[in-house]
């Protein structure tokens, strides 16, 4: 999302900088799978929204 780790801890103060860096490291180590999971969830949300509109 382009947010710096320091900005993340300012927005979510219960996290510390080490936790943010660990999460980012995990993301970059598993980027393809995480991005695919996010895309699949977004597609499912879109499908459900379209299905719901069709029923209205």
Protein backbone atom coordinates (compact mmCIF):
# COMPACT_ATOMS: atom_id res chain seq x y z
CA UNK A 1 0.00 0.00 0.00
CA UNK A 2 3.03 2.27 0.05
CA UNK A 3 2.87 3.04 3.75
CA UNK A 4 6.12 3.22 5.67
CA UNK A 5 6.52 0.92 8.70
CA UNK A 6 6.69 3.96 10.98
CA UNK A 7 3.35 5.14 9.61
CA UNK A 8 1.82 1.74 10.28
CA UNK A 9 2.78 1.79 13.95
CA UNK A 10 1.43 5.34 14.21
CA UNK A 11 -1.92 4.08 12.88
CA UNK A 12 -1.87 0.78 14.80
CA UNK A 13 -0.05 1.61 18.04
CA UNK A 14 -0.37 -1.85 19.62
CA UNK A 15 2.17 -3.09 17.04
CA UNK A 16 5.85 -2.40 17.36
CA UNK A 17 8.33 -1.82 14.56
CA UNK A 18 9.76 -5.34 14.80
CA UNK A 19 6.29 -6.84 14.33
CA UNK A 20 5.63 -4.69 11.27
CA UNK A 21 8.97 -5.66 9.73
CA UNK A 22 8.28 -9.33 10.46
CA UNK A 23 4.89 -9.09 8.75
CA UNK A 24 6.43 -7.36 5.74
CA UNK A 25 9.18 -9.99 5.54
CA UNK A 26 6.53 -12.74 5.61
CA UNK A 27 4.56 -10.99 2.89
CA UNK A 28 7.57 -10.60 0.59
CA UNK A 29 8.62 -14.21 1.19
CA UNK A 30 5.10 -15.39 0.22
CA UNK A 31 4.01 -12.58 -2.10
CA UNK A 32 2.66 -14.69 -4.96
CA UNK A 33 0.44 -16.81 -2.72
CA UNK A 34 -0.78 -13.89 -0.61
CA UNK A 35 -1.58 -11.79 -3.68
CA UNK A 36 -3.43 -14.75 -5.24
CA UNK A 37 -5.44 -15.24 -2.03
CA UNK A 38 -6.35 -11.53 -1.93
CA UNK A 39 -7.40 -11.58 -5.60
CA UNK A 40 -9.55 -14.68 -5.01
CA UNK A 41 -11.26 -13.06 -2.02
CA UNK A 42 -11.92 -9.88 -3.99
CA UNK A 43 -13.36 -11.90 -6.88
CA UNK A 44 -15.63 -13.78 -4.48
CA UNK A 45 -16.83 -10.52 -2.92
CA UNK A 46 -17.57 -9.11 -6.38
CA UNK A 47 -19.42 -12.30 -7.34
CA UNK A 48 -21.53 -12.19 -4.18
CA UNK A 49 -22.29 -8.50 -4.64
CA UNK A 50 -23.38 -9.09 -8.23
CA UNK A 51 -25.45 -12.10 -7.17
CA UNK A 52 -27.11 -10.03 -4.44
CA UNK A 53 -27.98 -7.23 -6.85
CA UNK A 54 -29.50 -9.75 -9.27
CA UNK A 55 -31.82 -10.99 -6.52
CA UNK A 56 -33.03 -7.47 -5.67
